[in-house]
Protein backbone atom coordinates (compact mmCIF):
# COMPACT_ATOMS: atom_id res chain seq x y z
CA MET A 1 -68.21 82.20 39.10
CA LYS A 2 -70.57 79.23 39.16
CA LYS A 3 -69.11 75.90 38.10
CA VAL A 4 -70.83 74.44 35.03
CA ALA A 5 -70.18 70.98 33.58
CA PHE A 6 -71.39 70.01 30.13
CA ILE A 7 -72.21 66.32 29.67
CA SER A 8 -73.04 64.75 26.30
CA VAL A 9 -72.34 61.06 25.76
CA PHE A 10 -73.33 58.36 23.26
CA ASN A 11 -72.92 55.55 25.79
CA LYS A 12 -75.03 56.84 28.67
CA GLU A 13 -74.71 53.86 30.99
CA GLY A 14 -73.43 55.02 34.39
CA VAL A 15 -72.96 58.68 33.45
CA GLU A 16 -75.63 59.69 35.97
CA LYS A 17 -73.30 58.58 38.77
CA PHE A 18 -70.64 61.00 37.53
CA ALA A 19 -73.20 63.79 37.15
CA LYS A 20 -74.54 63.23 40.69
CA GLY A 21 -70.99 63.33 42.00
CA LEU A 22 -70.47 66.72 40.38
CA VAL A 23 -73.78 68.04 41.74
CA ASP A 24 -72.74 66.92 45.23
CA LEU A 25 -69.62 69.08 44.80
CA GLY A 26 -71.70 72.12 43.89
CA TRP A 27 -71.57 71.92 40.10
CA GLU A 28 -74.42 72.77 37.75
CA ILE A 29 -75.05 70.37 34.88
CA MET A 30 -75.75 71.37 31.28
CA SER A 31 -76.46 68.73 28.65
CA SER A 32 -77.67 68.11 25.12
CA SER A 33 -81.16 66.81 24.47
CA GLY A 34 -80.65 63.03 24.52
CA THR A 35 -78.28 63.02 27.47
CA ALA A 36 -80.35 65.70 29.24
CA LYS A 37 -83.42 63.46 29.11
CA TYR A 38 -81.42 60.48 30.39
CA LEU A 39 -80.02 62.48 33.31
CA LYS A 40 -83.40 63.89 34.27
CA ASP A 41 -84.95 60.41 34.09
CA ASN A 42 -82.25 59.28 36.52
CA GLY A 43 -82.81 62.08 39.02
CA VAL A 44 -80.18 64.60 37.90
CA SER A 45 -81.31 68.19 37.44
CA CYS A 46 -79.76 69.75 34.36
CA THR A 47 -80.14 72.58 31.86
CA ASP A 48 -80.69 71.66 28.22
CA LEU A 49 -78.16 73.22 25.85
CA SER A 50 -81.01 74.15 23.53
CA SER A 51 -82.04 76.97 25.91
CA PHE A 52 -78.84 78.76 24.84
CA VAL A 53 -78.32 77.69 21.22
CA GLY A 54 -81.78 76.66 20.00
CA GLU A 55 -83.34 73.30 19.24
CA PRO A 56 -81.41 70.62 17.30
CA ILE A 57 -81.84 70.89 13.53
CA LEU A 58 -81.53 68.67 10.45
CA GLY A 59 -83.05 65.68 12.20
CA HIS A 60 -80.77 66.01 15.23
CA ARG A 61 -77.66 66.07 13.03
CA VAL A 62 -76.71 69.52 14.36
CA VAL A 63 -77.02 69.88 18.14
CA SER A 64 -73.99 71.59 19.71
CA LEU A 65 -72.30 73.12 16.68
CA SER A 66 -73.04 76.78 17.40
CA ARG A 67 -70.93 79.87 18.11
CA GLU A 68 -72.65 80.36 21.48
CA PHE A 69 -71.67 76.91 22.70
CA TYR A 70 -68.07 77.30 21.59
CA ALA A 71 -67.92 80.71 23.23
CA MET A 72 -68.68 78.92 26.52
CA LEU A 73 -65.78 76.54 25.86
CA LEU A 74 -63.18 78.92 24.45
CA ALA A 75 -63.65 82.03 26.62
CA ARG A 76 -60.45 82.58 28.59
CA TYR A 77 -60.78 82.30 32.34
CA ASP A 78 -58.30 85.10 33.07
CA ASN A 79 -59.51 87.46 30.32
CA GLU A 80 -61.95 90.13 31.53
CA GLU A 81 -63.13 91.03 28.03
CA ASP A 82 -64.10 87.39 27.41
CA LYS A 83 -66.01 87.28 30.68
CA LYS A 84 -67.87 90.49 29.92
CA GLU A 85 -68.84 89.23 26.49
CA LEU A 86 -70.21 86.00 27.96
CA GLU A 87 -72.24 88.08 30.44
CA LYS A 88 -73.55 90.29 27.63
CA LEU A 89 -74.64 87.18 25.72
CA ASN A 90 -76.06 85.66 28.91
CA LEU A 91 -73.85 82.60 28.47
CA PRO A 92 -72.24 80.62 31.32
CA PHE A 93 -68.56 79.67 31.45
CA ILE A 94 -68.30 75.89 31.02
CA SER A 95 -65.42 74.53 33.11
CA LEU A 96 -65.78 70.80 32.46
CA VAL A 97 -66.75 68.77 29.40
CA CYS A 98 -67.65 65.07 29.59
CA CYS A 99 -68.10 63.68 26.10
CA ASP A 100 -67.58 60.46 24.20
CA MET A 101 -68.09 59.93 20.48
CA TYR A 102 -70.18 57.82 18.16
CA PRO A 103 -68.61 54.33 17.87
CA LEU A 104 -67.04 54.91 14.46
CA ILE A 105 -64.10 52.52 14.85
CA GLU A 106 -66.38 49.70 15.98
CA GLU A 107 -68.62 50.34 12.97
CA ILE A 108 -65.68 50.28 10.55
CA GLU A 109 -64.55 46.93 11.97
CA LYS A 110 -67.90 45.26 11.32
CA LYS A 111 -67.79 42.84 8.40
CA ASP A 112 -71.21 43.93 7.13
CA THR A 113 -70.66 47.67 7.42
CA THR A 114 -71.45 50.02 4.55
CA TYR A 115 -70.31 53.48 3.56
CA GLU A 116 -73.68 54.88 4.64
CA LYS A 117 -73.44 53.24 8.07
CA VAL A 118 -69.92 54.58 8.57
CA LEU A 119 -71.05 58.09 7.68
CA GLU A 120 -73.90 57.88 10.20
CA LYS A 121 -71.46 56.81 12.91
CA THR A 122 -69.00 59.61 12.07
CA ASP A 123 -69.22 62.12 14.92
CA ILE A 124 -68.55 65.79 14.21
CA GLY A 125 -69.83 67.52 17.33
CA GLY A 126 -67.96 65.24 19.74
CA PRO A 127 -64.45 65.64 18.32
CA THR A 128 -64.98 69.37 17.82
CA MET A 129 -66.21 69.78 21.38
CA LEU A 130 -63.31 67.83 22.86
CA ARG A 131 -60.70 69.80 20.96
CA ALA A 132 -62.32 73.11 21.86
CA ALA A 133 -62.42 72.12 25.53
CA ALA A 134 -58.77 71.07 25.38
CA LYS A 135 -57.76 74.39 23.81
CA GLY A 136 -59.91 76.28 26.32
CA GLU A 137 -57.99 74.55 29.16
CA ARG A 138 -61.16 73.00 30.53
CA ILE A 139 -61.39 69.73 32.42
CA VAL A 140 -61.89 67.28 29.54
CA VAL A 141 -63.32 63.84 30.32
CA CYS A 142 -63.41 61.68 27.17
CA ASP A 143 -62.78 58.31 28.85
CA LYS A 144 -65.37 56.91 31.24
CA ASN A 145 -62.55 55.31 33.21
CA ASP A 146 -61.36 58.83 34.16
CA ARG A 147 -64.63 59.94 35.76
CA GLU A 148 -63.89 58.62 39.26
CA LYS A 149 -60.38 60.03 39.05
CA VAL A 150 -61.72 63.48 38.15
CA LEU A 151 -64.25 63.44 40.99
CA LYS A 152 -61.55 62.50 43.49
CA TRP A 153 -59.26 65.24 42.16
CA LEU A 154 -62.04 67.81 42.52
CA GLN A 155 -62.68 66.60 46.07
CA ASP A 156 -58.98 66.93 46.87
CA ASP A 157 -58.89 70.67 46.02
CA GLU A 158 -57.65 70.27 42.44
CA ILE A 159 -54.00 69.65 43.27
CA ASP A 160 -51.55 70.43 40.42
CA ALA A 161 -54.43 71.70 38.28
CA LYS A 162 -52.37 72.69 35.25
CA ILE A 163 -50.64 69.30 35.02
CA PHE A 164 -53.85 67.37 35.65
CA LYS A 165 -55.91 69.25 33.07
CA ARG A 166 -53.13 69.12 30.48
CA ALA A 167 -52.95 65.33 30.81
CA LEU A 168 -56.71 65.07 30.22
CA ALA A 169 -56.47 67.47 27.25
CA ALA A 170 -53.65 65.39 25.75
CA LYS A 171 -55.78 62.24 26.05
CA ALA A 172 -58.67 64.00 24.32
CA GLU A 173 -56.43 65.07 21.43
CA TYR A 174 -55.11 61.50 21.19
CA ILE A 175 -58.60 59.97 21.17
CA VAL A 176 -59.77 62.43 18.51
CA SER A 177 -56.67 61.85 16.34
CA LYS A 178 -57.17 58.09 16.50
CA TYR A 179 -60.82 58.60 15.56
CA CYS A 180 -59.97 60.81 12.60
CA MET A 181 -57.21 58.49 11.43
CA ALA A 182 -59.67 55.58 11.32
CA SER A 183 -62.05 57.67 9.24
CA ALA A 184 -59.32 58.80 6.82
CA GLU A 185 -58.05 55.24 6.38
CA TYR A 186 -61.56 53.95 5.68
CA LEU A 187 -62.57 56.72 3.30
CA SER A 188 -59.30 56.48 1.36
CA ASP A 189 -59.33 52.67 1.14
CA GLY A 190 -55.99 52.62 2.92
CA LYS A 191 -54.18 55.39 1.05
CA TYR A 192 -53.85 57.28 4.31
CA SER A 193 -52.60 55.35 7.31
CA GLY A 194 -50.70 55.90 10.49
CA LEU A 195 -49.62 54.58 13.85
CA ILE A 196 -51.23 56.17 16.89
CA GLY A 197 -50.55 54.79 20.34
CA GLU A 198 -50.45 55.47 24.04
CA ALA A 199 -47.28 54.81 26.02
CA THR A 200 -47.89 52.12 28.63
CA SER A 201 -44.35 51.49 29.84
CA ILE A 202 -40.91 53.03 29.62
CA CYS A 203 -37.92 50.79 28.98
CA LYS A 204 -34.59 51.39 30.67
CA TYR A 205 -33.17 51.69 27.15
CA GLY A 206 -33.71 50.31 23.65
CA GLU A 207 -31.82 47.48 21.97
CA ASN A 208 -28.58 49.02 23.20
CA ALA A 209 -27.80 51.05 26.31
CA TRP A 210 -27.22 54.26 24.34
CA GLN A 211 -30.66 54.09 22.65
CA THR A 212 -32.83 56.14 24.98
CA PRO A 213 -35.65 56.80 25.46
CA ALA A 214 -37.51 53.61 24.53
CA MET A 215 -41.19 53.01 25.20
CA LEU A 216 -43.98 50.52 24.61
CA PHE A 217 -47.15 51.96 23.09
CA LYS A 218 -50.58 50.38 22.96
CA THR A 219 -52.99 50.69 20.05
CA TYR A 220 -56.73 50.14 19.86
CA THR A 221 -57.32 46.41 20.32
CA THR A 222 -59.37 43.91 22.31
CA ASP A 223 -56.80 41.15 21.70
CA THR A 224 -56.28 39.20 24.94
CA LEU A 225 -52.72 38.38 23.86
CA ALA A 226 -51.78 42.03 23.22
CA MET A 227 -48.69 42.89 25.24
CA ALA A 228 -49.17 46.63 25.51
CA ASN A 229 -52.68 46.31 26.97
CA LYS A 230 -51.18 44.76 30.09
CA ASN A 231 -52.77 41.37 29.45
CA PHE A 232 -49.45 39.87 30.52
CA LYS A 233 -49.25 40.42 34.27
CA ARG A 234 -45.74 40.69 35.68
CA VAL A 235 -45.93 38.50 38.77
CA ALA A 236 -42.21 38.65 39.61
CA GLY A 237 -38.92 39.95 38.27
CA GLU A 238 -37.79 43.34 37.09
CA PRO A 239 -39.61 45.25 34.33
CA MET A 240 -39.34 44.00 30.77
CA SER A 241 -36.61 45.45 28.60
CA TYR A 242 -37.02 46.51 24.96
CA ASN A 243 -35.33 43.28 23.83
CA ASN A 244 -37.51 41.21 26.17
CA MET A 245 -40.63 42.72 24.61
CA ALA A 246 -39.38 42.07 21.10
CA ASP A 247 -38.68 38.46 22.04
CA LEU A 248 -42.11 38.12 23.65
CA ASP A 249 -43.72 39.27 20.40
CA ARG A 250 -41.73 36.68 18.46
CA LEU A 251 -42.60 33.96 20.98
CA LEU A 252 -46.26 34.78 20.54
CA GLN A 253 -45.93 34.42 16.77
CA THR A 254 -44.30 30.99 17.07
CA ILE A 255 -46.52 29.51 19.77
CA THR A 256 -49.74 30.72 18.12
CA HIS A 257 -48.63 29.29 14.77
CA ILE A 258 -47.92 25.95 16.43
CA ALA A 259 -51.33 26.02 18.13
CA GLY A 260 -53.06 27.15 14.94
CA GLY A 261 -51.42 24.39 12.92
CA PHE A 262 -52.49 21.68 15.34
CA ASP A 263 -55.97 23.13 15.75
CA LEU A 264 -56.55 23.04 11.98
CA ASN A 265 -54.91 19.70 11.24
CA THR A 266 -55.54 17.56 14.33
CA LYS A 267 -58.36 19.43 16.13
CA LYS A 268 -56.32 19.19 19.32
CA VAL A 269 -53.68 21.59 20.66
CA PRO A 270 -51.00 19.77 22.72
CA PHE A 271 -48.78 21.16 25.44
CA ILE A 272 -46.30 23.55 23.79
CA ALA A 273 -43.02 25.02 24.96
CA VAL A 274 -40.88 27.42 22.93
CA GLY A 275 -37.53 28.94 23.83
CA VAL A 276 -35.95 31.84 21.93
CA LYS A 277 -32.73 33.81 21.74
CA HIS A 278 -32.82 37.05 19.75
CA GLY A 279 -36.32 36.21 18.55
CA ASN A 280 -35.51 32.91 16.84
CA PRO A 281 -36.52 29.57 18.38
CA CYS A 282 -33.58 27.59 19.69
CA GLY A 283 -35.88 25.06 21.33
CA ALA A 284 -39.48 24.02 20.76
CA ALA A 285 -41.46 20.91 21.55
CA ILE A 286 -44.96 19.53 21.89
CA GLY A 287 -46.43 16.62 23.85
CA GLU A 288 -48.88 15.51 26.53
CA ASP A 289 -46.65 15.77 29.62
CA SER A 290 -45.49 19.24 30.65
CA SER A 291 -42.12 18.24 32.10
CA GLU A 292 -41.32 16.02 29.12
CA VAL A 293 -42.19 18.86 26.75
CA LEU A 294 -39.86 21.20 28.65
CA GLU A 295 -37.05 18.63 28.54
CA LYS A 296 -37.45 18.24 24.78
CA MET A 297 -37.53 22.00 24.30
CA LEU A 298 -34.39 22.55 26.40
CA SER A 299 -32.49 19.73 24.74
CA GLY A 300 -33.05 21.37 21.35
CA ASP A 301 -30.05 23.57 22.18
CA LEU A 302 -28.85 23.45 25.79
CA ARG A 303 -26.22 26.10 25.18
CA ALA A 304 -28.37 28.63 23.32
CA ILE A 305 -31.29 28.53 25.76
CA PHE A 306 -29.05 29.70 28.60
CA GLY A 307 -30.20 33.27 29.29
CA GLY A 308 -33.10 32.86 26.88
CA LEU A 309 -36.84 33.33 27.19
CA ILE A 310 -39.49 30.63 27.33
CA MET A 311 -43.23 30.56 26.64
CA THR A 312 -45.66 27.73 27.39
CA ASN A 313 -49.38 27.12 27.11
CA PHE A 314 -49.44 25.30 30.45
CA LYS A 315 -48.95 26.23 34.10
CA ILE A 316 -45.46 26.37 35.56
CA GLY A 317 -45.51 24.56 38.87
CA GLU A 318 -42.80 23.15 41.12
CA LYS A 319 -42.25 20.10 38.89
CA GLU A 320 -41.86 22.25 35.77
CA ALA A 321 -39.57 24.67 37.65
CA ASP A 322 -37.26 21.81 38.63
CA THR A 323 -37.06 20.72 34.99
CA LEU A 324 -36.21 24.23 33.80
CA LEU A 325 -33.57 24.65 36.50
CA THR A 326 -31.77 21.33 36.51
CA PHE A 327 -32.40 19.29 33.34
CA LYS A 328 -29.00 18.30 31.94
CA MET A 329 -27.23 20.81 34.20
CA PRO A 330 -24.01 19.87 36.02
CA GLU A 331 -24.42 18.91 39.67
CA GLY A 332 -24.95 21.99 41.82
CA LYS A 333 -25.51 24.29 38.86
CA ARG A 334 -28.81 25.89 37.80
CA ARG A 335 -30.01 27.19 34.46
CA LEU A 336 -30.47 30.96 34.18
CA LEU A 337 -33.33 32.35 32.12
CA ASP A 338 -34.26 35.94 31.29
CA GLY A 339 -38.01 35.45 31.10
CA ILE A 340 -40.77 32.87 31.45
CA PHE A 341 -44.26 33.47 30.08
CA ALA A 342 -47.09 31.09 30.95
CA PRO A 343 -50.83 31.04 31.72
CA GLU A 344 -50.07 30.92 35.45
CA PHE A 345 -47.34 30.18 38.00
CA GLU A 346 -47.30 28.44 41.34
CA GLU A 347 -45.69 30.63 44.00
CA ASN A 348 -43.08 28.03 44.94
CA ALA A 349 -42.13 27.68 41.26
CA ILE A 350 -41.36 31.41 41.07
CA GLU A 351 -39.26 31.23 44.23
CA LYS A 352 -37.21 28.41 42.73
CA LEU A 353 -36.70 30.08 39.37
CA LYS A 354 -35.89 33.59 40.62
CA ARG A 355 -32.49 35.03 39.75
CA LYS A 356 -30.28 37.37 41.71
CA GLY A 357 -31.40 40.95 41.13
CA ASP A 358 -34.78 39.71 39.81
CA LYS A 359 -33.22 39.29 36.36
CA CYS A 360 -35.78 36.62 35.38
CA ARG A 361 -39.16 38.11 34.44
CA PHE A 362 -42.32 36.10 35.12
CA LEU A 363 -45.39 37.15 33.11
CA ALA A 364 -48.74 35.39 33.32
CA ASN A 365 -51.58 35.51 30.81
CA GLU A 366 -54.48 33.08 31.11
CA ALA A 367 -55.19 33.44 27.38
CA LEU A 368 -52.10 31.29 26.70
CA LYS A 369 -53.97 28.30 28.12
CA ASN A 370 -56.56 28.26 25.34
CA LEU A 371 -54.57 28.86 22.16
CA SER A 372 -56.14 27.92 18.83
CA SER A 373 -56.18 29.03 15.20
CA ASN A 374 -58.14 32.06 16.41
CA SER A 375 -55.12 33.15 18.45
CA LEU A 376 -53.07 34.23 15.43
CA ASP A 377 -52.36 37.95 15.33
CA LYS A 378 -54.52 39.35 12.54
CA SER A 379 -53.62 43.03 12.91
CA PHE A 380 -51.51 44.74 10.25
CA ARG A 381 -47.77 44.84 10.80
CA PHE A 382 -45.76 48.04 10.35
CA ARG A 383 -42.07 48.55 9.75
CA TYR A 384 -40.29 51.87 9.89
CA LEU A 385 -38.37 52.93 6.80
CA ARG A 386 -36.40 56.11 6.47
CA GLY A 387 -39.00 58.73 5.67
CA GLY A 388 -42.00 56.42 5.98
CA PHE A 389 -43.15 52.94 6.88
CA LEU A 390 -44.20 49.65 5.34
CA LYS A 391 -47.55 48.06 6.14
CA GLN A 392 -48.62 44.51 5.43
CA PRO A 393 -51.10 41.88 6.65
CA ASN A 394 -49.83 39.74 9.50
CA TYR A 395 -48.46 36.20 9.26
CA THR A 396 -51.76 34.29 9.19
CA PHE A 397 -51.34 31.46 6.68
CA VAL A 398 -51.83 27.99 8.21
CA PRO A 399 -51.41 24.95 5.94
CA ASN A 400 -53.96 22.16 5.80
CA ILE A 401 -51.54 19.29 5.28
CA LYS A 402 -54.21 17.19 3.55
CA GLU A 403 -54.28 19.78 0.75
CA ALA A 404 -50.54 19.56 0.06
CA THR A 405 -49.11 18.23 -3.19
CA VAL A 406 -47.02 15.17 -2.33
CA GLU A 407 -44.11 14.41 -4.65
CA GLY A 408 -42.96 10.95 -3.60
CA ASP A 409 -44.48 8.59 -1.03
CA GLN A 410 -48.22 9.42 -1.02
CA ASN A 411 -48.76 7.69 2.33
CA ILE A 412 -46.40 10.02 4.17
CA ILE A 413 -49.07 12.52 5.19
CA LYS A 414 -51.30 9.74 6.56
CA GLN A 415 -48.89 9.05 9.42
CA ASP A 416 -49.73 10.83 12.68
CA GLN A 417 -46.13 11.48 13.79
CA ILE A 418 -45.24 12.86 10.36
CA ILE A 419 -48.19 15.27 10.56
CA VAL A 420 -47.03 16.40 14.02
CA ASP A 421 -43.50 17.06 12.84
CA LEU A 422 -44.58 18.78 9.64
CA ILE A 423 -46.76 21.22 11.61
CA LEU A 424 -44.08 21.90 14.20
CA ALA A 425 -41.33 22.41 11.62
CA TRP A 426 -43.52 24.75 9.55
CA ALA A 427 -44.62 26.84 12.55
CA ILE A 428 -41.04 27.31 13.78
CA GLY A 429 -39.54 27.95 10.35
CA CYS A 430 -42.13 30.43 9.13
CA THR A 431 -41.74 32.55 12.28
CA SER A 432 -37.93 32.58 12.17
CA ASN A 433 -35.74 35.05 10.27
CA SER A 434 -35.65 33.99 6.63
CA ASN A 435 -34.01 32.33 4.79
CA THR A 436 -34.73 29.40 7.08
CA ILE A 437 -34.35 25.65 7.11
CA THR A 438 -35.84 24.00 10.20
CA ILE A 439 -35.30 20.39 11.27
CA VAL A 440 -37.75 18.60 13.60
CA LYS A 441 -37.92 15.04 14.86
CA ASN A 442 -40.41 13.35 17.19
CA GLY A 443 -42.14 16.56 18.19
CA LYS A 444 -38.93 18.45 18.95
CA LEU A 445 -36.84 21.12 17.22
CA ILE A 446 -33.33 19.82 16.67
CA GLY A 447 -31.83 22.38 14.28
CA ASN A 448 -32.87 25.84 13.11
CA GLY A 449 -30.80 27.46 10.37
CA VAL A 450 -32.04 31.05 10.22
CA GLY A 451 -31.20 34.33 8.51
CA GLN A 452 -29.15 32.89 5.66
CA GLN A 453 -28.58 34.33 2.18
CA ASP A 454 -29.07 31.01 0.40
CA ARG A 455 -30.87 27.71 0.97
CA VAL A 456 -27.75 25.57 0.86
CA GLY A 457 -26.24 27.71 3.61
CA ALA A 458 -29.46 27.52 5.64
CA ALA A 459 -29.55 23.71 5.27
CA LYS A 460 -25.91 23.37 6.32
CA LEU A 461 -26.47 25.70 9.29
CA ALA A 462 -29.53 23.76 10.47
CA ILE A 463 -27.55 20.50 10.32
CA SER A 464 -24.55 22.09 12.02
CA ARG A 465 -26.73 23.40 14.85
CA ALA A 466 -28.36 19.98 15.21
CA ASP A 467 -24.91 18.33 15.44
CA ASP A 468 -23.69 20.91 17.91
CA ALA A 469 -26.81 20.56 20.07
CA ALA A 470 -26.43 16.74 20.04
CA SER A 471 -22.80 17.01 21.11
CA VAL A 472 -23.67 19.32 24.00
CA LEU A 473 -26.57 17.08 25.04
CA GLU A 474 -24.50 13.90 25.03
CA GLU A 475 -21.33 15.65 26.27
CA LYS A 476 -19.23 14.19 23.46
CA ASN A 477 -18.47 15.09 19.86
CA ILE A 478 -21.15 13.34 17.83
CA LYS A 479 -23.44 13.97 14.90
CA ALA A 480 -27.19 14.26 15.34
CA ASP A 481 -29.32 11.32 14.24
CA LEU A 482 -31.37 12.94 11.48
CA VAL A 483 -32.78 9.76 9.98
CA GLY A 484 -36.56 10.09 10.16
CA ALA A 485 -36.42 13.86 10.74
CA ILE A 486 -38.49 16.43 8.85
CA ALA A 487 -37.01 19.53 7.22
CA TYR A 488 -38.96 22.69 6.44
CA SER A 489 -37.85 25.33 3.95
CA ASP A 490 -39.59 28.72 4.07
CA SER A 491 -39.54 28.97 0.26
CA PHE A 492 -38.78 26.82 -2.78
CA PHE A 493 -35.39 25.35 -3.59
CA PRO A 494 -34.04 27.01 -6.76
CA PHE A 495 -31.72 24.04 -7.41
CA PRO A 496 -31.37 20.42 -6.24
CA ASP A 497 -28.27 21.29 -4.15
CA GLY A 498 -30.27 22.38 -1.07
CA PRO A 499 -32.31 19.17 -0.71
CA LYS A 500 -29.16 17.18 -1.48
CA VAL A 501 -27.47 18.56 1.67
CA LEU A 502 -30.44 17.41 3.75
CA ILE A 503 -30.85 14.03 2.06
CA GLU A 504 -27.16 13.18 2.53
CA ARG A 505 -27.78 13.33 6.28
CA GLY A 506 -30.77 10.98 6.13
CA ILE A 507 -33.62 13.52 5.93
CA LYS A 508 -36.13 12.07 3.45
CA ILE A 509 -39.19 14.28 4.09
CA ILE A 510 -39.00 17.96 3.18
CA PHE A 511 -41.81 20.50 3.55
CA THR A 512 -41.31 23.26 1.00
CA THR A 513 -43.06 25.35 -1.65
CA SER A 514 -43.29 25.09 -5.42
CA GLY A 515 -42.69 27.94 -7.83
CA SER A 516 -39.11 27.66 -8.97
CA VAL A 517 -38.33 27.42 -12.67
CA ASN A 518 -36.32 24.35 -11.66
CA ASP A 519 -39.11 22.62 -9.69
CA LYS A 520 -39.05 19.64 -12.04
CA ASP A 521 -35.31 19.05 -11.57
CA VAL A 522 -35.60 19.47 -7.78
CA ILE A 523 -38.51 17.00 -7.57
CA GLU A 524 -36.85 14.40 -9.79
CA SER A 525 -33.53 14.56 -7.93
CA CYS A 526 -35.36 14.02 -4.63
CA LYS A 527 -37.35 11.07 -5.99
CA VAL A 528 -34.15 9.44 -7.23
CA GLU A 529 -32.82 9.61 -3.64
CA GLY A 530 -36.07 8.26 -2.19
CA ALA A 531 -37.05 11.57 -0.64
CA THR A 532 -40.58 13.01 -0.51
CA LEU A 533 -41.49 16.66 -0.95
CA ILE A 534 -44.59 18.07 0.75
CA MET A 535 -45.43 21.15 -1.32
CA PHE A 536 -47.73 24.16 -1.43
CA PRO A 537 -47.59 26.94 -4.03
CA ASP A 538 -45.08 29.62 -3.04
CA LYS A 539 -47.67 32.35 -3.69
CA VAL A 540 -49.83 30.82 -0.97
CA ALA A 541 -47.41 29.34 1.55
CA ARG A 542 -44.07 31.13 1.41
CA GLY A 543 -42.87 31.62 4.96
CA PHE A 544 -40.58 34.66 4.76
CA ALA A 545 -40.53 36.67 7.98
CA TRP A 546 -38.75 39.56 9.69
CA HIS A 547 -37.10 41.23 6.72
């Protein structure tokens, strides 16, 4: 039986190379009108599909949708009756289909798209063809990146044919399902939605050792900070665990919020270092010197950062490695970390920071070097619920401090260091588990009270963590110096008792929201104590996260 490949693509660039490769292997090429012309113009002999099914109709809207064409795709290779019927109809058996689809998803994502434009970019023949080829157990090529792989497989005598073709068929079904889901979501104005992804890595286990299997899936995105698209290159260390990946996602939220806040308010993004344990920042700092920034970040909580993960927007070289390893460590001891994520690493820095058994993961992504307000994740966030899922816009609010309502000293937000600390406290607090109170001083996190059921408890926890971190740092039982520090609350204070806890420890500047029925009492009680509230409406600026 002669080998026939059908090629019909929207994006024709480079497809002639694939077609020529097939011809060199003894294949005959069949194509639809537009692609047939392109192939012939580029020196590839091919048969036009119209010679079997007739000319395109309805202004080229119907080209391949005919029973004859689908007979060529669905006839069973090992069924004699199917073969005889094809012969009777004078139809060839198509063994390979190379097809892409109209760029529907790209059209939907355009800001100026219209319903009519989306309809015109909605492919019917392509998805139908791919699914028919998959069911017919043909060689299905729907991704241009698979063309070279298919040619090599054909050259190598089609080893493990069933497995190879099934993998290609599965990809085709996945591509079509993603395509159809985008159409359904658009046409329904969001009533129909879903998560469709491709597994890119398998974790040893999930959050706990008994939770297997666990996998990372990628979705359709061009985001250079997307984890699943392998933008983060593992340059050393063992593969990332499920918990590592969850922490990396949280680190990205915090560092991009810090960068976005500075980009909007100061037009300059400083060096940033963030350290997390279980997703919540236990250290964070900004500055102009990389080693100093790392020292400030580590000293935010020397105990908690042990075994934690760190992300920076600057290169980790030998100097930075020495800081991470030895700052405030006892003589002869070195700090152990689970992961370090940076734009790039010097080789000698990796050698210094490596752990026994490659337990420290080193991931590089150059996009971390150029963070700005455009780096915020703008994709929708999903959360599984029993029997369904929640979907919401991402965490994208960034405050313009100049637009805040100031209750108290009006000159507060004119001071550069105050602006720095307000931005840093907000960015950390709004990306931590709510309820949160975050305390920052001189460009450094000194206390993060997260995941509390009430604001008084969150304030007390933030102060307690600041005191504990100060005691560990100074190696003696002391209280943190909170005079001049900034506190951030991720929502309004329902009563004056929360601010009172902070004010009693010398914190006189509090970044919060308005919207409580008791706002007036809270504001007046703070003014009496000489404290200033920096406020945005709760409907605009509430910083709840990770419910």
